[in-house]
Protein backbone atom coordinates (compact mmCIF):
# COMPACT_ATOMS: atom_id res chain seq x y z
CA MET A 1 -1.68 -13.66 -53.00
CA LYS A 2 -0.17 -15.92 -50.39
CA ASN A 3 2.63 -13.40 -49.68
CA ASN A 4 0.03 -10.68 -49.04
CA LYS A 5 -1.79 -12.82 -46.43
CA SER A 6 1.42 -13.51 -44.52
CA ASN A 7 2.22 -9.79 -44.44
CA VAL A 8 -1.19 -9.01 -42.96
CA LEU A 9 -0.69 -11.70 -40.35
CA LEU A 10 2.73 -10.34 -39.48
CA TYR A 11 1.41 -6.77 -39.18
CA GLY A 12 -1.46 -8.01 -37.05
CA LEU A 13 0.88 -9.83 -34.69
CA ILE A 14 3.16 -6.80 -34.35
CA LEU A 15 0.25 -4.41 -33.79
CA GLY A 16 -1.37 -6.81 -31.29
CA GLY A 17 1.90 -7.11 -29.38
CA ILE A 18 2.29 -3.35 -29.16
CA VAL A 19 -1.31 -2.85 -28.00
CA GLY A 20 -1.01 -5.71 -25.49
CA ALA A 21 2.22 -4.31 -24.05
CA GLY A 22 0.66 -0.85 -23.78
CA LEU A 23 -2.37 -2.21 -21.92
CA ALA A 24 -0.15 -4.26 -19.60
CA ILE A 25 1.93 -1.18 -18.75
CA PHE A 26 -1.17 0.99 -18.24
CA TYR A 27 -3.02 -1.42 -15.96
CA GLY A 28 0.18 -2.47 -14.17
CA SER A 29 1.06 1.10 -13.26
CA ARG A 30 -2.52 1.73 -12.14
CA PHE A 31 -2.42 -1.36 -9.92
CA ILE A 32 0.90 -0.31 -8.36
CA LYS A 33 -0.35 3.25 -7.77
CA ASN A 34 -3.52 2.01 -6.04
CA ASN A 35 -1.55 -0.38 -3.84
CA LYS A 36 0.82 2.40 -2.76
CA ILE A 37 -2.13 4.64 -1.85
CA LYS A 38 -3.78 1.86 0.17
CA LYS A 39 -0.52 1.07 1.95
CA ARG A 40 -0.01 4.75 2.82
CA GLU A 41 -3.56 4.95 4.22
CA ARG A 42 -3.06 1.83 6.35
CA LYS A 43 0.23 3.25 7.66
CA ASN A 44 -1.42 6.58 8.54
CA LYS A 45 -4.27 4.79 10.32
CA PHE A 46 -1.71 2.80 12.31
CA TYR A 47 0.11 5.93 13.47
CA GLU A 48 -3.19 7.68 14.23
CA GLY A 49 -4.10 4.69 16.36
CA LEU A 50 -0.82 4.98 18.23
CA ASP A 51 -1.46 8.67 18.78
CA ASP A 52 -4.90 7.87 20.16
CA ILE A 53 -3.50 5.27 22.54
CA PHE A 54 -0.83 7.54 23.98
CA ASP A 55 -2.75 10.83 23.81
CA SER A 56 -2.77 12.27 27.32
CA SER A 57 -5.57 14.77 26.62
CA ALA A 58 -8.11 12.20 25.49
CA VAL A 59 -11.76 12.80 26.28
CA ASN A 60 -12.12 9.47 28.03
CA SER A 61 -9.10 9.84 30.27
CA PRO A 62 -8.55 6.64 32.25
CA ASP A 63 -8.27 6.50 35.99
CA GLU A 64 -4.93 6.25 37.81
CA ASP A 65 -4.84 2.44 37.78
CA SER A 66 -5.11 2.04 34.01
CA ARG A 67 -2.77 4.86 32.90
CA ILE A 68 0.41 3.97 31.05
CA ASP A 69 3.64 5.37 32.42
CA LYS A 70 6.49 6.48 30.15
CA GLU A 71 8.55 3.32 30.68
CA THR A 72 5.66 1.06 29.67
CA GLU A 73 4.88 3.31 26.71
CA LYS A 74 8.47 3.05 25.45
CA GLY A 75 8.40 -0.72 25.92
CA ILE A 76 5.22 -1.03 23.88
CA ILE A 77 6.60 1.16 21.08
CA ASP A 78 9.87 -0.79 21.02
CA GLU A 79 7.95 -4.07 20.85
CA LEU A 80 5.76 -2.83 17.99
CA PHE A 81 8.64 -1.59 15.87
CA SER A 82 11.04 -4.45 16.60
CA ARG A 83 8.79 -7.06 14.94
CA PRO A 84 9.50 -7.98 11.34
CA ASN A 85 6.72 -7.47 8.81
């Protein structure tokens, strides 16, 4: 009888380990997938924001004093992309 109980315990531990590993893989991959999607959306919003800043045909076109010339635009872009994350 005692041998039978230890076999059930062993099978339970093995089955529990397999189920636990499966759940960890499932939820881990889901977490990684969601983080990649969020990162891609943030990156797209960043580039859309840059496009809005430097869009010359914007509805609210600024006056001559507040317009950005090409040299300043390149300097701003270089400064943005030269910073480490």
